Amino acid sequence: MFTKLLEDDHRTDNPEELKEELEDLEFQVFRMQDNLKEIAKKSKVLGVDQTKDDKLVIVYTPEDDQSCKIMLCDCETSYKGKWDFSIHATYVDDETIHIGDIKGPANKGYGSICMDYLKELAIEQNIPKITGDIAKRDWDHVDRLVHFYEKHDFHVEINYDHKSGEIMWYR
């Protein structure tokens, strides 16, 4: 994980900037340790990942059999029992996970991280299909949603007349 930080072309040779980046990374690692302890008390930690902006995040899911939530906590702030990003999904049957909602800030890479974990979870549990709906409430950002789902290998059908749509992923 840290190797990527050293290999990125946008890094500087300026000693002050390098020192600042190292201090930021050290802070994130210390925060990650504290956050992991708190999250692990009530949830299953799925992994630690890195955003497109080189920020560390913890990915986790609640310990229940009904929901299939994938939640993310950043390591820049203290965990206070609330996620920073979440994909809310449910098990429809033995072959389908249905995404009900995606909540959290856009354009931070959180959605891609959570979606990768959701697909990995489906594969591990031998669930071949992930579905979801695009609703009228999503219409102000439908182009961004279509791009996001297609980037993650979903088939996307949009009905522009009814301002609705469906997404489907098969493994």
C-alpha atoms as a PDB file:
ATOM      1  CA  MET A   1       0.000   0.000   0.000  1.00  0.00           C
ATOM      2  CA  PHE A   2       2.736   2.470   0.961  1.00  0.00           C
ATOM      3  CA  THR A   3       4.757   1.500  -2.107  1.00  0.00           C
ATOM      4  CA  LYS A   4       2.172   3.260  -4.262  1.00  0.00           C
ATOM      5  CA  LEU A   5       2.799   6.470  -2.338  1.00  0.00           C
ATOM      6  CA  LEU A   6       6.484   6.281  -3.176  1.00  0.00           C
ATOM      7  CA  GLU A   7       5.939   5.446  -6.843  1.00  0.00           C
ATOM      8  CA  ASP A   8       3.460   8.194  -7.748  1.00  0.00           C
ATOM      9  CA  ASP A   9       4.869  10.672 -10.252  1.00  0.00           C
ATOM     10  CA  HIS A  10       3.193  13.667  -8.634  1.00  0.00           C
ATOM     11  CA  ARG A  11       5.355  13.394  -5.524  1.00  0.00           C
ATOM     12  CA  THR A  12       7.909  16.067  -4.861  1.00  0.00           C
ATOM     13  CA  ASP A  13      11.562  16.038  -3.899  1.00  0.00           C
ATOM     14  CA  ASN A  14      10.998  19.114  -1.731  1.00  0.00           C
ATOM     15  CA  PRO A  15      12.011  18.057   1.804  1.00  0.00           C
ATOM     16  CA  GLU A  16       9.323  20.201   3.462  1.00  0.00           C
ATOM     17  CA  GLU A  17       6.534  18.771   1.323  1.00  0.00           C
ATOM     18  CA  LEU A  18       7.823  15.227   1.869  1.00  0.00           C
ATOM     19  CA  LYS A  19       7.897  15.833   5.614  1.00  0.00           C
ATOM     20  CA  GLU A  20       4.308  17.125   5.513  1.00  0.00           C
ATOM     21  CA  GLU A  21       3.126  14.085   3.510  1.00  0.00           C
ATOM     22  CA  LEU A  22       4.865  11.726   5.930  1.00  0.00           C
ATOM     23  CA  GLU A  23       3.287  13.457   8.940  1.00  0.00           C
ATOM     24  CA  ASP A  24      -0.155  13.222   7.290  1.00  0.00           C
ATOM     25  CA  LEU A  25       0.361   9.521   6.614  1.00  0.00           C
ATOM     26  CA  GLU A  26       1.556   8.888  10.178  1.00  0.00           C
ATOM     27  CA  PHE A  27      -1.525  10.660  11.527  1.00  0.00           C
ATOM     28  CA  GLN A  28      -3.804   8.566   9.302  1.00  0.00           C
ATOM     29  CA  VAL A  29      -2.124   5.341  10.487  1.00  0.00           C
ATOM     30  CA  PHE A  30      -2.558   6.289  14.163  1.00  0.00           C
ATOM     31  CA  ARG A  31      -6.188   7.266  13.531  1.00  0.00           C
ATOM     32  CA  MET A  32      -6.704   4.029  11.599  1.00  0.00           C
ATOM     33  CA  GLN A  33      -5.527   1.998  14.600  1.00  0.00           C
ATOM     34  CA  ASP A  34      -8.022   3.739  16.902  1.00  0.00           C
ATOM     35  CA  ASN A  35     -10.862   3.550  14.366  1.00  0.00           C
ATOM     36  CA  LEU A  36     -10.240  -0.149  13.692  1.00  0.00           C
ATOM     37  CA  LYS A  37     -10.578  -0.946  17.404  1.00  0.00           C
ATOM     38  CA  GLU A  38     -13.909   0.860  17.634  1.00  0.00           C
ATOM     39  CA  ILE A  39     -15.366  -0.474  14.373  1.00  0.00           C
ATOM     40  CA  ALA A  40     -14.357  -4.073  15.175  1.00  0.00           C
ATOM     41  CA  LYS A  41     -16.451  -3.978  18.380  1.00  0.00           C
ATOM     42  CA  LYS A  42     -19.726  -4.027  16.406  1.00  0.00           C
ATOM     43  CA  SER A  43     -18.859  -4.780  12.784  1.00  0.00           C
ATOM     44  CA  LYS A  44     -16.810  -7.076  10.589  1.00  0.00           C
ATOM     45  CA  VAL A  45     -13.830  -5.244   9.114  1.00  0.00           C
ATOM     46  CA  LEU A  46     -13.466  -6.181   5.447  1.00  0.00           C
ATOM     47  CA  GLY A  47     -10.254  -4.306   4.790  1.00  0.00           C
ATOM     48  CA  VAL A  48      -8.219  -1.138   4.675  1.00  0.00           C
ATOM     49  CA  ASP A  49      -7.942   0.627   1.345  1.00  0.00           C
ATOM     50  CA  GLN A  50      -6.591   3.782  -0.214  1.00  0.00           C
ATOM     51  CA  THR A  51      -8.582   6.437  -2.075  1.00  0.00           C
ATOM     52  CA  LYS A  52      -7.578   8.095  -5.316  1.00  0.00           C
ATOM     53  CA  ASP A  53      -6.261  10.973  -3.156  1.00  0.00           C
ATOM     54  CA  ASP A  54      -4.010   8.611  -1.163  1.00  0.00           C
ATOM     55  CA  LYS A  55      -6.221   8.720   1.936  1.00  0.00           C
ATOM     56  CA  LEU A  56      -6.606   5.595   4.042  1.00  0.00           C
ATOM     57  CA  VAL A  57     -10.103   4.208   4.662  1.00  0.00           C
ATOM     58  CA  ILE A  58     -11.548   1.278   6.611  1.00  0.00           C
ATOM     59  CA  VAL A  59     -14.229  -0.825   4.907  1.00  0.00           C
ATOM     60  CA  TYR A  60     -16.631  -2.795   7.075  1.00  0.00           C
ATOM     61  CA  THR A  61     -20.052  -4.430   7.258  1.00  0.00           C
ATOM     62  CA  PRO A  62     -22.519  -4.993  10.115  1.00  0.00           C
ATOM     63  CA  GLU A  63     -22.675  -8.426  11.705  1.00  0.00           C
ATOM     64  CA  ASP A  64     -26.178  -9.438  10.579  1.00  0.00           C
ATOM     65  CA  ASP A  65     -27.603 -11.854   8.049  1.00  0.00           C
ATOM     66  CA  GLN A  66     -30.321  -9.682   6.504  1.00  0.00           C
ATOM     67  CA  SER A  67     -28.574  -6.582   5.261  1.00  0.00           C
ATOM     68  CA  CYS A  68     -25.605  -6.412   2.993  1.00  0.00           C
ATOM     69  CA  LYS A  69     -24.269  -2.958   3.789  1.00  0.00           C
ATOM     70  CA  ILE A  70     -20.765  -1.985   2.830  1.00  0.00           C
ATOM     71  CA  MET A  71     -19.613   0.977   4.891  1.00  0.00           C
ATOM     72  CA  LEU A  72     -16.490   3.091   4.830  1.00  0.00           C
ATOM     73  CA  CYS A  73     -14.798   5.249   7.454  1.00  0.00           C
ATOM     74  CA  ASP A  74     -11.997   7.632   6.573  1.00  0.00           C
ATOM     75  CA  CYS A  75      -8.841   7.727   8.693  1.00  0.00           C
ATOM     76  CA  GLU A  76      -8.617  11.496   8.849  1.00  0.00           C
ATOM     77  CA  THR A  77     -11.351  11.801  11.468  1.00  0.00           C
ATOM     78  CA  SER A  78     -12.223   9.936  14.620  1.00  0.00           C
ATOM     79  CA  TYR A  79     -14.848   7.192  14.288  1.00  0.00           C
ATOM     80  CA  LYS A  80     -17.945   8.217  16.260  1.00  0.00           C
ATOM     81  CA  GLY A  81     -20.191   5.284  15.356  1.00  0.00           C
ATOM     82  CA  LYS A  82     -21.192   6.652  11.938  1.00  0.00           C
ATOM     83  CA  TRP A  83     -19.940   5.769   8.487  1.00  0.00           C
ATOM     84  CA  ASP A  84     -18.583   8.315   5.987  1.00  0.00           C
ATOM     85  CA  PHE A  85     -19.939   6.400   2.972  1.00  0.00           C
ATOM     86  CA  SER A  86     -22.243   3.419   2.550  1.00  0.00           C
ATOM     87  CA  ILE A  87     -23.837   1.142  -0.005  1.00  0.00           C
ATOM     88  CA  HIS A  88     -27.133  -0.051   1.469  1.00  0.00           C
ATOM     89  CA  ALA A  89     -28.096  -3.400  -0.029  1.00  0.00           C
ATOM     90  CA  THR A  90     -30.165  -6.437   0.886  1.00  0.00           C
ATOM     91  CA  TYR A  91     -30.176 -10.115   0.042  1.00  0.00           C
ATOM     92  CA  VAL A  92     -33.174 -10.701  -2.245  1.00  0.00           C
ATOM     93  CA  ASP A  93     -32.586 -14.442  -2.482  1.00  0.00           C
ATOM     94  CA  ASP A  94     -29.667 -16.879  -2.808  1.00  0.00           C
ATOM     95  CA  GLU A  95     -28.756 -15.428  -6.192  1.00  0.00           C
ATOM     96  CA  THR A  96     -29.302 -11.671  -5.849  1.00  0.00           C
ATOM     97  CA  ILE A  97     -28.103  -8.704  -3.845  1.00  0.00           C
ATOM     98  CA  HIS A  98     -30.174  -5.563  -4.425  1.00  0.00           C
ATOM     99  CA  ILE A  99     -28.668  -2.092  -3.926  1.00  0.00           C
ATOM    100  CA  GLY A 100     -31.254   0.146  -2.292  1.00  0.00           C
ATOM    101  CA  ASP A 101     -29.194   3.306  -1.888  1.00  0.00           C
ATOM    102  CA  ILE A 102     -25.704   4.726  -1.992  1.00  0.00           C
ATOM    103  CA  LYS A 103     -25.017   7.458   0.552  1.00  0.00           C
ATOM    104  CA  GLY A 104     -22.056   9.733   1.026  1.00  0.00           C
ATOM    105  CA  PRO A 105     -19.962  12.346  -0.740  1.00  0.00           C
ATOM    106  CA  ALA A 106     -19.288  12.052  -4.484  1.00  0.00           C
ATOM    107  CA  ASN A 107     -15.956  12.103  -6.293  1.00  0.00           C
ATOM    108  CA  LYS A 108     -13.747  10.906  -3.444  1.00  0.00           C
ATOM    109  CA  GLY A 109     -13.362   7.332  -4.694  1.00  0.00           C
ATOM    110  CA  TYR A 110     -15.420   5.972  -1.784  1.00  0.00           C
ATOM    111  CA  GLY A 111     -18.109   4.548  -4.072  1.00  0.00           C
ATOM    112  CA  SER A 112     -15.607   2.611  -6.155  1.00  0.00           C
ATOM    113  CA  ILE A 113     -13.947   1.167  -3.072  1.00  0.00           C
ATOM    114  CA  CYS A 114     -17.298   0.093  -1.582  1.00  0.00           C
ATOM    115  CA  MET A 115     -18.554  -1.304  -4.894  1.00  0.00           C
ATOM    116  CA  ASP A 116     -15.402  -3.414  -5.280  1.00  0.00           C
ATOM    117  CA  TYR A 117     -15.979  -4.851  -1.808  1.00  0.00           C
ATOM    118  CA  LEU A 118     -19.667  -5.499  -2.540  1.00  0.00           C
ATOM    119  CA  LYS A 119     -18.797  -7.413  -5.711  1.00  0.00           C
ATOM    120  CA  GLU A 120     -16.090  -9.332  -3.855  1.00  0.00           C
ATOM    121  CA  LEU A 121     -18.619 -10.231  -1.148  1.00  0.00           C
ATOM    122  CA  ALA A 122     -21.070 -11.469  -3.800  1.00  0.00           C
ATOM    123  CA  ILE A 123     -18.372 -13.647  -5.363  1.00  0.00           C
ATOM    124  CA  GLU A 124     -17.300 -15.052  -1.967  1.00  0.00           C
ATOM    125  CA  GLN A 125     -20.919 -15.929  -1.136  1.00  0.00           C
ATOM    126  CA  ASN A 126     -21.514 -17.390  -4.610  1.00  0.00           C
ATOM    127  CA  ILE A 127     -24.178 -14.790  -5.413  1.00  0.00           C
ATOM    128  CA  PRO A 128     -24.109 -14.236  -9.179  1.00  0.00           C
ATOM    129  CA  LYS A 129     -26.200 -11.074  -9.481  1.00  0.00           C
ATOM    130  CA  ILE A 130     -26.303  -7.528  -8.070  1.00  0.00           C
ATOM    131  CA  THR A 131     -29.267  -5.366  -9.046  1.00  0.00           C
ATOM    132  CA  GLY A 132     -30.544  -1.896  -8.295  1.00  0.00           C
ATOM    133  CA  ASP A 133     -32.842   0.870  -9.441  1.00  0.00           C
ATOM    134  CA  ILE A 134     -32.231   4.397 -10.585  1.00  0.00           C
ATOM    135  CA  ALA A 135     -35.101   6.457  -9.225  1.00  0.00           C
ATOM    136  CA  LYS A 136     -36.535   9.858 -10.044  1.00  0.00           C
ATOM    137  CA  ARG A 137     -34.744  11.290  -6.972  1.00  0.00           C
ATOM    138  CA  ASP A 138     -31.436  10.383  -8.681  1.00  0.00           C
ATOM    139  CA  TRP A 139     -32.238  12.250 -11.863  1.00  0.00           C
ATOM    140  CA  ASP A 140     -30.162  15.353 -11.100  1.00  0.00           C
ATOM    141  CA  HIS A 141     -27.028  13.162 -11.240  1.00  0.00           C
ATOM    142  CA  VAL A 142     -28.125  10.344 -13.545  1.00  0.00           C
ATOM    143  CA  ASP A 143     -25.174  10.835 -15.935  1.00  0.00           C
ATOM    144  CA  ARG A 144     -22.723  10.413 -13.064  1.00  0.00           C
ATOM    145  CA  LEU A 145     -24.580   7.270 -11.914  1.00  0.00           C
ATOM    146  CA  VAL A 146     -24.532   5.732 -15.392  1.00  0.00           C
ATOM    147  CA  HIS A 147     -20.786   6.396 -15.650  1.00  0.00           C
ATOM    148  CA  PHE A 148     -20.186   4.928 -12.187  1.00  0.00           C
ATOM    149  CA  TYR A 149     -22.145   1.733 -12.783  1.00  0.00           C
ATOM    150  CA  GLU A 150     -20.720   1.164 -16.274  1.00  0.00           C
ATOM    151  CA  LYS A 151     -17.216   1.683 -14.879  1.00  0.00           C
ATOM    152  CA  HIS A 152     -17.987  -1.181 -12.485  1.00  0.00           C
ATOM    153  CA  ASP A 153     -19.233  -3.498 -15.260  1.00  0.00           C
ATOM    154  CA  PHE A 154     -22.962  -3.100 -14.620  1.00  0.00           C
ATOM    155  CA  HIS A 155     -25.490  -3.247 -17.408  1.00  0.00           C
ATOM    156  CA  VAL A 156     -27.489  -0.001 -17.181  1.00  0.00           C
ATOM    157  CA  GLU A 157     -30.933   0.566 -18.678  1.00  0.00           C
ATOM    158  CA  ILE A 158     -32.364   4.087 -18.505  1.00  0.00           C
ATOM    159  CA  ASN A 159     -35.910   5.133 -19.332  1.00  0.00           C
ATOM    160  CA  TYR A 160     -35.542   8.868 -19.919  1.00  0.00           C
ATOM    161  CA  ASP A 161     -39.296   9.370 -20.396  1.00  0.00           C
ATOM    162  CA  HIS A 162     -40.142   7.931 -16.969  1.00  0.00           C
ATOM    163  CA  LYS A 163     -36.930   9.145 -15.277  1.00  0.00           C
ATOM    164  CA  SER A 164     -36.095   5.672 -14.023  1.00  0.00           C
ATOM    165  CA  GLY A 165     -33.651   2.901 -14.670  1.00  0.00           C
ATOM    166  CA  GLU A 166     -32.245  -0.467 -13.655  1.00  0.00           C
ATOM    167  CA  ILE A 167     -28.733  -1.720 -13.087  1.00  0.00           C
ATOM    168  CA  MET A 168     -27.529  -5.313 -13.193  1.00  0.00           C
ATOM    169  CA  TRP A 169     -24.169  -6.977 -12.618  1.00  0.00           C
ATOM    170  CA  TYR A 170     -23.477 -10.648 -13.350  1.00  0.00           C
ATOM    171  CA  ARG A 171     -20.327 -12.424 -12.438  1.00  0.00           C
END
